[in-house]
Amino acid sequence: MTHTVYVLNGPNINLLGTRQPEIYGHDTLADINARLETQAQALGLTIKPLQSNHEGQLVDWLHEAQASGAKAVILNAAAYTHTSVALLDAIKAIRIPVIEVHLSNPHRRDDFRHKSYVGMAALGTIAGFGAASYTLALHAVAAL
């Protein structure tokens, strides 16, 4: 096992900072990744941040994380959280821990966002703390 943590982000996360900042905040994905990089170094970890708007790419990266011996995956599947049986199956197929992350709290939003296929297989979920949700997840990984 390596000390690498995959940080996977799903659809529209590339638009952070400009997309509905009243919900998702003003931090860009680059801002979040820069903070995670600094935090990871302090924790003796390395992050591999990746973002895709394509479900299959996220599945491939989950497989890659397993094959490379990564320590864990932090996953913000965004809208795929609520629709993707493929991501559920991929998480169940790998042996490394996956921590689900959300900037907002899905349970305080639309009813369709209350069901999480990712959460059905993830080790845990951190949601509702804005960009700090990612740093909380990284601390959780370090504690594993």
N, C-alpha and C. Protein backbone atom coordinates (compact mmCIF):
# COMPACT_ATOMS: atom_id res chain seq x y z
N MET A 1 0.84 -1.19 0.00
CA MET A 1 0.00 0.00 0.00
C MET A 1 0.88 1.24 0.00
N THR A 2 0.50 2.20 -0.80
CA THR A 2 1.21 3.47 -0.84
C THR A 2 0.53 4.47 0.09
N HIS A 3 1.07 5.64 0.15
CA HIS A 3 0.46 6.73 0.93
C HIS A 3 -0.32 7.67 0.01
N THR A 4 -0.66 7.18 -1.17
CA THR A 4 -1.38 7.99 -2.14
C THR A 4 -2.88 7.92 -1.89
N VAL A 5 -3.52 9.06 -1.94
CA VAL A 5 -4.97 9.17 -1.80
C VAL A 5 -5.51 9.76 -3.09
N TYR A 6 -6.33 9.01 -3.76
CA TYR A 6 -7.00 9.52 -4.95
C TYR A 6 -8.13 10.44 -4.49
N VAL A 7 -8.22 11.60 -5.11
CA VAL A 7 -9.30 12.55 -4.84
C VAL A 7 -10.06 12.70 -6.15
N LEU A 8 -11.19 12.01 -6.23
CA LEU A 8 -11.96 11.95 -7.47
C LEU A 8 -13.17 12.88 -7.39
N ASN A 9 -13.35 13.65 -8.44
CA ASN A 9 -14.45 14.60 -8.52
C ASN A 9 -15.24 14.37 -9.79
N GLY A 10 -16.56 14.37 -9.65
CA GLY A 10 -17.45 14.08 -10.76
C GLY A 10 -17.91 15.31 -11.52
N PRO A 11 -19.06 15.18 -12.19
CA PRO A 11 -19.51 16.18 -13.13
C PRO A 11 -19.75 17.55 -12.51
N ASN A 12 -19.31 18.54 -13.26
CA ASN A 12 -19.50 19.96 -12.97
C ASN A 12 -18.64 20.49 -11.83
N ILE A 13 -17.87 19.62 -11.19
CA ILE A 13 -16.99 20.09 -10.11
C ILE A 13 -15.90 20.99 -10.69
N ASN A 14 -15.58 20.84 -11.97
CA ASN A 14 -14.62 21.72 -12.63
C ASN A 14 -15.11 23.17 -12.68
N LEU A 15 -16.40 23.39 -12.43
CA LEU A 15 -16.98 24.74 -12.47
C LEU A 15 -17.08 25.39 -11.09
N LEU A 16 -16.52 24.75 -10.08
CA LEU A 16 -16.59 25.34 -8.73
C LEU A 16 -16.03 26.76 -8.75
N GLY A 17 -16.60 27.59 -7.92
CA GLY A 17 -16.20 28.99 -7.84
C GLY A 17 -17.12 29.89 -8.64
N THR A 18 -17.68 29.34 -9.72
CA THR A 18 -18.60 30.11 -10.54
C THR A 18 -19.99 29.47 -10.59
N ARG A 19 -20.07 28.18 -10.35
CA ARG A 19 -21.34 27.46 -10.41
C ARG A 19 -22.06 27.54 -9.07
N GLN A 20 -23.19 28.20 -9.03
CA GLN A 20 -24.03 28.31 -7.85
C GLN A 20 -23.21 28.50 -6.56
N PRO A 21 -22.47 29.59 -6.47
CA PRO A 21 -21.63 29.79 -5.28
C PRO A 21 -22.43 29.88 -3.99
N GLU A 22 -23.72 30.21 -4.07
CA GLU A 22 -24.54 30.24 -2.86
C GLU A 22 -24.72 28.84 -2.27
N ILE A 23 -24.53 27.81 -3.08
CA ILE A 23 -24.61 26.42 -2.61
C ILE A 23 -23.22 25.82 -2.41
N TYR A 24 -22.34 26.03 -3.41
CA TYR A 24 -21.06 25.33 -3.43
C TYR A 24 -19.87 26.17 -2.99
N GLY A 25 -20.08 27.45 -2.74
CA GLY A 25 -19.00 28.31 -2.27
C GLY A 25 -18.23 28.94 -3.42
N HIS A 26 -17.24 29.72 -3.06
CA HIS A 26 -16.46 30.48 -4.03
C HIS A 26 -15.11 29.84 -4.33
N ASP A 27 -14.74 28.80 -3.60
CA ASP A 27 -13.47 28.12 -3.87
C ASP A 27 -13.55 27.38 -5.19
N THR A 28 -12.48 27.46 -5.96
CA THR A 28 -12.38 26.68 -7.19
C THR A 28 -11.83 25.30 -6.85
N LEU A 29 -11.92 24.40 -7.81
CA LEU A 29 -11.33 23.07 -7.61
C LEU A 29 -9.81 23.20 -7.42
N ALA A 30 -9.18 24.12 -8.12
CA ALA A 30 -7.74 24.36 -7.95
C ALA A 30 -7.43 24.82 -6.53
N ASP A 31 -8.28 25.67 -5.96
CA ASP A 31 -8.10 26.12 -4.57
C ASP A 31 -8.16 24.94 -3.61
N ILE A 32 -9.17 24.10 -3.81
CA ILE A 32 -9.35 22.93 -2.93
C ILE A 32 -8.16 21.99 -3.06
N ASN A 33 -7.73 21.73 -4.29
CA ASN A 33 -6.61 20.82 -4.50
C ASN A 33 -5.31 21.37 -3.90
N ALA A 34 -5.10 22.66 -3.98
CA ALA A 34 -3.89 23.27 -3.40
C ALA A 34 -3.88 23.10 -1.88
N ARG A 35 -5.03 23.33 -1.25
CA ARG A 35 -5.11 23.13 0.21
C ARG A 35 -4.89 21.66 0.58
N LEU A 36 -5.48 20.77 -0.21
CA LEU A 36 -5.31 19.35 0.07
C LEU A 36 -3.86 18.92 -0.09
N GLU A 37 -3.18 19.47 -1.08
CA GLU A 37 -1.76 19.13 -1.30
C GLU A 37 -0.93 19.54 -0.08
N THR A 38 -1.14 20.74 0.41
CA THR A 38 -0.41 21.21 1.59
C THR A 38 -0.73 20.35 2.80
N GLN A 39 -2.00 20.06 3.00
CA GLN A 39 -2.44 19.24 4.13
C GLN A 39 -1.88 17.83 4.01
N ALA A 40 -1.91 17.27 2.82
CA ALA A 40 -1.42 15.90 2.61
C ALA A 40 0.05 15.80 2.98
N GLN A 41 0.84 16.78 2.55
CA GLN A 41 2.27 16.77 2.89
C GLN A 41 2.47 16.77 4.40
N ALA A 42 1.70 17.57 5.10
CA ALA A 42 1.81 17.63 6.56
C ALA A 42 1.42 16.31 7.22
N LEU A 43 0.55 15.54 6.56
CA LEU A 43 0.09 14.27 7.11
C LEU A 43 0.90 13.08 6.60
N GLY A 44 1.91 13.35 5.77
CA GLY A 44 2.71 12.27 5.21
C GLY A 44 2.01 11.50 4.09
N LEU A 45 1.09 12.18 3.42
CA LEU A 45 0.33 11.57 2.34
C LEU A 45 0.61 12.30 1.03
N THR A 46 0.23 11.67 -0.06
CA THR A 46 0.29 12.26 -1.39
C THR A 46 -1.11 12.18 -1.98
N ILE A 47 -1.56 13.23 -2.60
CA ILE A 47 -2.88 13.17 -3.25
C ILE A 47 -2.72 13.08 -4.76
N LYS A 48 -3.69 12.45 -5.37
CA LYS A 48 -3.79 12.39 -6.82
C LYS A 48 -5.17 12.93 -7.18
N PRO A 49 -5.28 14.25 -7.40
CA PRO A 49 -6.58 14.85 -7.70
C PRO A 49 -6.96 14.67 -9.17
N LEU A 50 -8.19 14.21 -9.39
CA LEU A 50 -8.70 13.97 -10.74
C LEU A 50 -10.15 14.41 -10.82
N GLN A 51 -10.57 14.88 -11.99
CA GLN A 51 -11.96 15.30 -12.19
C GLN A 51 -12.41 14.87 -13.56
N SER A 52 -13.63 14.35 -13.64
CA SER A 52 -14.21 14.00 -14.93
C SER A 52 -15.72 14.22 -14.91
N ASN A 53 -16.23 14.58 -16.06
CA ASN A 53 -17.67 14.68 -16.22
C ASN A 53 -18.27 13.37 -16.74
N HIS A 54 -17.45 12.33 -16.81
CA HIS A 54 -17.86 11.05 -17.40
C HIS A 54 -17.83 9.93 -16.36
N GLU A 55 -18.95 9.28 -16.20
CA GLU A 55 -19.12 8.23 -15.20
C GLU A 55 -18.09 7.11 -15.35
N GLY A 56 -17.90 6.63 -16.57
CA GLY A 56 -16.97 5.53 -16.80
C GLY A 56 -15.55 5.86 -16.41
N GLN A 57 -15.15 7.11 -16.59
CA GLN A 57 -13.81 7.53 -16.19
C GLN A 57 -13.64 7.43 -14.68
N LEU A 58 -14.67 7.80 -13.94
CA LEU A 58 -14.61 7.68 -12.48
C LEU A 58 -14.49 6.21 -12.07
N VAL A 59 -15.22 5.33 -12.75
CA VAL A 59 -15.11 3.89 -12.48
C VAL A 59 -13.69 3.43 -12.76
N ASP A 60 -13.13 3.83 -13.89
CA ASP A 60 -11.76 3.44 -14.24
C ASP A 60 -10.76 3.91 -13.17
N TRP A 61 -10.94 5.12 -12.66
CA TRP A 61 -10.02 5.63 -11.65
C TRP A 61 -10.17 4.89 -10.32
N LEU A 62 -11.37 4.46 -9.98
CA LEU A 62 -11.54 3.62 -8.79
C LEU A 62 -10.75 2.32 -8.95
N HIS A 63 -10.85 1.70 -10.13
CA HIS A 63 -10.08 0.47 -10.40
C HIS A 63 -8.59 0.75 -10.32
N GLU A 64 -8.17 1.87 -10.91
CA GLU A 64 -6.76 2.25 -10.90
C GLU A 64 -6.24 2.45 -9.47
N ALA A 65 -7.04 3.09 -8.65
CA ALA A 65 -6.64 3.32 -7.26
C ALA A 65 -6.37 1.98 -6.57
N GLN A 66 -7.24 1.03 -6.78
CA GLN A 66 -7.06 -0.31 -6.21
C GLN A 66 -5.78 -0.95 -6.75
N ALA A 67 -5.62 -0.94 -8.08
CA ALA A 67 -4.48 -1.60 -8.72
C ALA A 67 -3.15 -0.98 -8.31
N SER A 68 -3.15 0.32 -8.04
CA SER A 68 -1.91 1.00 -7.68
C SER A 68 -1.57 0.89 -6.19
N GLY A 69 -2.48 0.30 -5.43
CA GLY A 69 -2.24 0.16 -3.99
C GLY A 69 -2.46 1.43 -3.21
N ALA A 70 -3.33 2.30 -3.69
CA ALA A 70 -3.61 3.55 -2.99
C ALA A 70 -4.12 3.28 -1.58
N LYS A 71 -3.89 4.23 -0.70
CA LYS A 71 -4.35 4.11 0.68
C LYS A 71 -5.86 4.24 0.77
N ALA A 72 -6.45 5.14 -0.03
CA ALA A 72 -7.89 5.40 0.02
C ALA A 72 -8.29 6.26 -1.16
N VAL A 73 -9.60 6.43 -1.29
CA VAL A 73 -10.18 7.33 -2.29
C VAL A 73 -11.13 8.28 -1.58
N ILE A 74 -10.99 9.54 -1.88
CA ILE A 74 -11.98 10.55 -1.49
C ILE A 74 -12.78 10.83 -2.75
N LEU A 75 -14.09 10.63 -2.69
CA LEU A 75 -14.92 10.71 -3.89
C LEU A 75 -16.08 11.68 -3.72
N ASN A 76 -16.08 12.71 -4.55
CA ASN A 76 -17.26 13.57 -4.70
C ASN A 76 -17.84 13.23 -6.07
N ALA A 77 -18.79 12.32 -6.09
CA ALA A 77 -19.37 11.87 -7.35
C ALA A 77 -20.39 12.86 -7.90
N ALA A 78 -20.65 13.94 -7.17
CA ALA A 78 -21.61 14.97 -7.59
C ALA A 78 -22.94 14.32 -7.96
N ALA A 79 -23.52 14.67 -9.07
CA ALA A 79 -24.85 14.16 -9.43
C ALA A 79 -24.88 12.64 -9.59
N TYR A 80 -23.73 12.03 -9.93
CA TYR A 80 -23.70 10.56 -10.05
C TYR A 80 -23.94 9.87 -8.71
N THR A 81 -23.77 10.59 -7.63
CA THR A 81 -24.06 10.05 -6.30
C THR A 81 -25.44 9.43 -6.25
N HIS A 82 -26.38 10.08 -6.90
CA HIS A 82 -27.80 9.74 -6.78
C HIS A 82 -28.31 8.85 -7.90
N THR A 83 -27.43 8.51 -8.85
CA THR A 83 -27.88 7.77 -10.03
C THR A 83 -27.03 6.58 -10.41
N SER A 84 -25.81 6.48 -9.92
CA SER A 84 -24.85 5.55 -10.51
C SER A 84 -24.71 4.23 -9.76
N VAL A 85 -25.38 3.23 -10.30
CA VAL A 85 -25.16 1.87 -9.81
C VAL A 85 -23.76 1.41 -10.23
N ALA A 86 -23.24 1.94 -11.34
CA ALA A 86 -21.89 1.59 -11.78
C ALA A 86 -20.85 2.00 -10.74
N LEU A 87 -20.99 3.18 -10.16
CA LEU A 87 -20.05 3.60 -9.12
C LEU A 87 -20.23 2.76 -7.85
N LEU A 88 -21.47 2.45 -7.49
CA LEU A 88 -21.73 1.57 -6.35
C LEU A 88 -21.01 0.25 -6.55
N ASP A 89 -21.17 -0.36 -7.71
CA ASP A 89 -20.54 -1.65 -7.98
C ASP A 89 -19.02 -1.55 -7.97
N ALA A 90 -18.48 -0.45 -8.51
CA ALA A 90 -17.03 -0.28 -8.54
C ALA A 90 -16.46 -0.14 -7.13
N ILE A 91 -17.15 0.59 -6.28
CA ILE A 91 -16.69 0.75 -4.90
C ILE A 91 -16.74 -0.59 -4.17
N LYS A 92 -17.79 -1.36 -4.40
CA LYS A 92 -17.90 -2.68 -3.78
C LYS A 92 -16.83 -3.64 -4.30
N ALA A 93 -16.36 -3.42 -5.53
CA ALA A 93 -15.40 -4.32 -6.15
C ALA A 93 -13.96 -4.10 -5.68
N ILE A 94 -13.68 -2.94 -5.08
CA ILE A 94 -12.32 -2.67 -4.63
C ILE A 94 -12.24 -2.84 -3.12
N ARG A 95 -11.00 -3.04 -2.64
CA ARG A 95 -10.81 -3.32 -1.21
C ARG A 95 -10.34 -2.09 -0.42
N ILE A 96 -10.00 -1.03 -1.10
CA ILE A 96 -9.52 0.14 -0.38
C ILE A 96 -10.69 1.01 0.06
N PRO A 97 -10.55 1.74 1.16
CA PRO A 97 -11.66 2.56 1.65
C PRO A 97 -11.96 3.74 0.75
N VAL A 98 -13.25 4.02 0.61
CA VAL A 98 -13.73 5.17 -0.14
C VAL A 98 -14.51 6.05 0.84
N ILE A 99 -14.17 7.32 0.85
CA ILE A 99 -14.89 8.29 1.67
C ILE A 99 -15.65 9.22 0.73
N GLU A 100 -16.96 9.24 0.91
CA GLU A 100 -17.83 10.09 0.11
C GLU A 100 -17.78 11.51 0.67
N VAL A 101 -17.68 12.49 -0.23
CA VAL A 101 -17.59 13.89 0.17
C VAL A 101 -18.59 14.71 -0.64
N HIS A 102 -19.21 15.66 0.05
CA HIS A 102 -20.08 16.64 -0.62
C HIS A 102 -19.84 18.01 -0.01
N LEU A 103 -19.83 19.02 -0.84
CA LEU A 103 -19.70 20.39 -0.36
C LEU A 103 -20.95 20.82 0.40
N SER A 104 -22.10 20.53 -0.16
CA SER A 104 -23.37 20.86 0.50
C SER A 104 -23.88 19.62 1.23
N ASN A 105 -24.94 19.79 1.97
CA ASN A 105 -25.58 18.66 2.65
C ASN A 105 -26.75 18.20 1.78
N PRO A 106 -26.60 17.06 1.09
CA PRO A 106 -27.66 16.61 0.19
C PRO A 106 -29.02 16.43 0.88
N HIS A 107 -29.02 16.14 2.16
CA HIS A 107 -30.28 15.92 2.88
C HIS A 107 -31.06 17.21 3.16
N ARG A 108 -30.41 18.35 2.94
CA ARG A 108 -31.08 19.64 3.09
C ARG A 108 -31.52 20.19 1.74
N ARG A 109 -31.40 19.35 0.71
CA ARG A 109 -31.71 19.80 -0.65
C ARG A 109 -32.86 18.99 -1.23
N ASP A 110 -32.97 18.95 -2.52
CA ASP A 110 -34.06 18.25 -3.21
C ASP A 110 -34.18 16.80 -2.74
N ASP A 111 -35.40 16.30 -2.71
CA ASP A 111 -35.64 14.93 -2.25
C ASP A 111 -34.83 13.90 -3.03
N PHE A 112 -34.68 14.08 -4.35
CA PHE A 112 -33.94 13.08 -5.13
C PHE A 112 -32.48 12.99 -4.72
N ARG A 113 -31.96 14.00 -4.04
CA ARG A 113 -30.57 13.98 -3.59
C ARG A 113 -30.38 13.22 -2.27
N HIS A 114 -31.45 12.75 -1.68
CA HIS A 114 -31.36 12.09 -0.38
C HIS A 114 -30.85 10.66 -0.48
N LYS A 115 -30.92 10.06 -1.66
CA LYS A 115 -30.42 8.69 -1.84
C LYS A 115 -29.03 8.74 -2.44
N SER A 116 -28.09 8.04 -1.80
CA SER A 116 -26.71 8.02 -2.28
C SER A 116 -26.29 6.59 -2.58
N TYR A 117 -26.11 6.30 -3.85
CA TYR A 117 -25.56 4.99 -4.22
C TYR A 117 -24.11 4.88 -3.75
N VAL A 118 -23.37 5.96 -3.81
CA VAL A 118 -21.99 5.97 -3.33
C VAL A 118 -21.95 5.66 -1.84
N GLY A 119 -22.83 6.30 -1.08
CA GLY A 119 -22.88 6.10 0.36
C GLY A 119 -23.22 4.68 0.77
N MET A 120 -23.89 3.94 -0.10
CA MET A 120 -24.24 2.55 0.21
C MET A 120 -23.01 1.66 0.31
N ALA A 121 -21.90 2.09 -0.29
CA ALA A 121 -20.68 1.27 -0.27
C ALA A 121 -19.49 1.98 0.37
N ALA A 122 -19.57 3.29 0.54
CA ALA A 122 -18.45 4.05 1.10
C ALA A 122 -18.25 3.73 2.58
N LEU A 123 -17.02 3.87 3.02
CA LEU A 123 -16.72 3.69 4.44
C LEU A 123 -17.45 4.73 5.28
N GLY A 124 -17.52 5.96 4.77
CA GLY A 124 -18.19 7.04 5.49
C GLY A 124 -18.47 8.20 4.55
N THR A 125 -19.22 9.16 5.06
CA THR A 125 -19.62 10.33 4.28
C THR A 125 -19.37 11.60 5.10
N ILE A 126 -18.81 12.60 4.42
CA ILE A 126 -18.63 13.91 5.03
C ILE A 126 -19.30 14.91 4.09
N ALA A 127 -20.25 15.66 4.62
CA ALA A 127 -21.04 16.55 3.76
C ALA A 127 -21.45 17.80 4.52
N GLY A 128 -21.60 18.89 3.76
CA GLY A 128 -22.18 20.09 4.31
C GLY A 128 -21.21 21.11 4.87
N PHE A 129 -19.92 20.87 4.74
CA PHE A 129 -18.93 21.78 5.31
C PHE A 129 -18.17 22.55 4.23
N GLY A 130 -18.77 22.65 3.05
CA GLY A 130 -18.11 23.35 1.96
C GLY A 130 -16.78 22.69 1.62
N ALA A 131 -15.81 23.50 1.22
CA ALA A 131 -14.50 22.97 0.83
C ALA A 131 -13.83 22.23 1.99
N ALA A 132 -14.18 22.58 3.21
CA ALA A 132 -13.60 21.89 4.37
C ALA A 132 -14.00 20.41 4.43
N SER A 133 -15.06 20.02 3.72
CA SER A 133 -15.43 18.61 3.68
C SER A 133 -14.27 17.76 3.16
N TYR A 134 -13.52 18.29 2.19
CA TYR A 134 -12.38 17.56 1.65
C TYR A 134 -11.26 17.42 2.68
N THR A 135 -10.97 18.50 3.40
CA THR A 135 -9.88 18.43 4.37
C THR A 135 -10.26 17.53 5.55
N LEU A 136 -11.53 17.53 5.92
CA LEU A 136 -11.99 16.61 6.95
C LEU A 136 -11.84 15.16 6.49
N ALA A 137 -12.15 14.92 5.22
CA ALA A 137 -11.99 13.57 4.67
C ALA A 137 -10.53 13.15 4.66
N LEU A 138 -9.63 14.05 4.33
CA LEU A 138 -8.21 13.71 4.31
C LEU A 138 -7.71 13.37 5.71
N HIS A 139 -8.19 14.10 6.71
CA HIS A 139 -7.84 13.76 8.09
C HIS A 139 -8.39 12.38 8.46
N ALA A 140 -9.57 12.06 8.00
CA ALA A 140 -10.13 10.74 8.25
C ALA A 140 -9.27 9.65 7.62
N VAL A 141 -8.80 9.89 6.41
CA VAL A 141 -7.92 8.92 5.74
C VAL A 141 -6.63 8.75 6.55
N ALA A 142 -6.06 9.84 7.00
CA ALA A 142 -4.81 9.76 7.77
C ALA A 142 -4.99 8.95 9.04
N ALA A 143 -6.20 8.97 9.60
CA ALA A 143 -6.46 8.25 10.84
C ALA A 143 -6.71 6.74 10.61
N LEU A 144 -6.88 6.34 9.36
CA LEU A 144 -7.14 4.92 9.09
C LEU A 144 -5.92 4.08 9.39
